[in-house]
Amino acid sequence: MSRIHEHFVVRLKDEAAAAPIRARARAAFLALPGVEDWRTHRSTDPDRPTLFVETFTFADAPRARAAGARFSEMAETRALLGQIEEMIVGQHFTDVTEEETE
């Protein structure tokens, strides 16, 4: 099975407040089975300083679903959800680059 990448494009209320909360949430979430990575990307547009993409990588689709369900249940990750002003998109993706090179 292919790895699953989940991308959330979000606008945060306050990045300074969200940063330490994200760090605690990341540590807790990465400890879950099947969660391989969590990367955070910030917009370079000066008019969008609170626009971020949170990218999660999972071993496979079943583990992505299981970990995703836990995200809203864990205290550390729930705290990060409280820092989101707007969720623009959240979706699972598979990397077609990996498929094309096989």
Protein backbone atom coordinates (compact mmCIF):
# COMPACT_ATOMS: atom_id res chain seq x y z
CA MET A 1 0.00 0.00 0.00
CA SER A 2 1.10 3.55 -0.69
CA ARG A 3 1.86 6.05 2.01
CA ILE A 4 -0.86 8.58 2.67
CA HIS A 5 -0.15 12.30 2.93
CA GLU A 6 -2.79 14.44 4.57
CA HIS A 7 -2.66 18.17 3.86
CA PHE A 8 -4.53 20.71 5.92
CA VAL A 9 -4.48 24.31 4.72
CA VAL A 10 -5.40 26.46 7.69
CA ARG A 11 -5.41 30.04 8.82
CA LEU A 12 -4.33 30.36 12.43
CA LYS A 13 -5.55 32.90 14.95
CA ASP A 14 -2.04 33.70 16.22
CA GLU A 15 1.13 31.87 15.13
CA ALA A 16 3.10 32.93 18.20
CA ALA A 17 0.50 31.33 20.45
CA ALA A 18 0.09 28.30 18.19
CA ALA A 19 3.81 27.41 17.86
CA PRO A 20 4.37 25.89 21.33
CA ILE A 21 0.97 24.22 21.20
CA ARG A 22 1.87 22.69 17.82
CA ALA A 23 5.18 21.42 19.21
CA ARG A 24 3.40 19.54 22.02
CA ALA A 25 0.75 18.24 19.63
CA ARG A 26 3.41 17.07 17.16
CA ALA A 27 5.27 15.06 19.80
CA ALA A 28 2.07 13.34 20.95
CA PHE A 29 0.73 12.66 17.46
CA LEU A 30 4.02 11.30 16.10
CA ALA A 31 3.96 8.71 18.89
CA LEU A 32 0.83 7.09 17.40
CA PRO A 33 1.25 3.88 15.36
CA GLY A 34 1.53 4.50 11.63
CA VAL A 35 2.21 8.23 11.89
CA GLU A 36 5.50 8.78 10.09
CA ASP A 37 5.86 12.55 9.84
CA TRP A 38 4.26 15.93 10.46
CA ARG A 39 5.62 18.95 8.64
CA THR A 40 4.45 22.53 8.84
CA HIS A 41 4.73 25.02 5.97
CA ARG A 42 4.13 28.77 6.26
CA SER A 43 2.96 30.98 3.41
CA THR A 44 5.56 33.35 1.99
CA ASP A 45 2.85 35.85 1.05
CA PRO A 46 3.26 38.87 3.37
CA ASP A 47 -0.50 39.43 3.16
CA ARG A 48 -1.15 35.96 4.60
CA PRO A 49 1.13 35.62 7.64
CA THR A 50 -1.14 33.14 9.40
CA LEU A 51 -1.68 30.78 6.43
CA PHE A 52 -0.12 27.35 7.00
CA VAL A 53 -0.14 23.88 5.52
CA GLU A 54 0.11 21.04 8.02
CA THR A 55 1.26 17.89 6.22
CA PHE A 56 1.01 14.50 7.86
CA THR A 57 2.45 11.27 6.47
CA PHE A 58 1.06 7.87 7.38
CA ALA A 59 2.16 4.34 6.60
CA ASP A 60 -1.10 3.50 4.83
CA ALA A 61 -4.77 4.48 4.50
CA PRO A 62 -6.11 2.45 7.47
CA ARG A 63 -3.50 3.97 9.79
CA ALA A 64 -4.22 7.44 8.41
CA ARG A 65 -7.91 7.03 9.24
CA ALA A 66 -7.17 5.65 12.71
CA ALA A 67 -4.70 8.39 13.57
CA GLY A 68 -6.96 11.06 12.11
CA ALA A 69 -9.78 9.93 14.37
CA ARG A 70 -7.48 10.30 17.38
CA PHE A 71 -6.48 13.86 16.41
CA SER A 72 -9.71 15.37 17.72
CA GLU A 73 -9.61 13.21 20.86
CA MET A 74 -6.11 13.88 22.21
CA ALA A 75 -5.73 16.86 24.55
CA GLU A 76 -2.53 18.04 22.83
CA THR A 77 -3.98 18.01 19.33
CA ARG A 78 -7.35 19.38 20.43
CA ALA A 79 -5.48 22.39 21.79
CA LEU A 80 -4.01 23.02 18.34
CA LEU A 81 -7.45 22.77 16.76
CA GLY A 82 -8.46 25.62 19.05
CA GLN A 83 -5.81 27.80 17.39
CA ILE A 84 -7.33 27.41 13.92
CA GLU A 85 -9.34 30.37 12.73
CA GLU A 86 -10.27 28.81 9.39
CA MET A 87 -9.85 25.34 7.90
CA ILE A 88 -9.56 25.86 4.16
CA VAL A 89 -9.05 22.25 3.10
CA GLY A 90 -8.15 18.92 4.65
CA GLN A 91 -7.69 15.90 2.43
CA HIS A 92 -5.80 12.61 2.08
CA PHE A 93 -3.48 12.27 -0.93
CA THR A 94 -1.19 9.62 -2.33
CA ASP A 95 2.10 10.48 -4.00
CA VAL A 96 1.86 9.76 -7.71
CA THR A 97 5.58 10.51 -8.07
CA GLU A 98 6.31 7.31 -6.16
CA GLU A 99 3.89 5.38 -8.38
CA GLU A 100 5.44 6.77 -11.58
CA THR A 101 8.94 5.62 -10.60
CA GLU A 102 7.95 2.03 -9.82
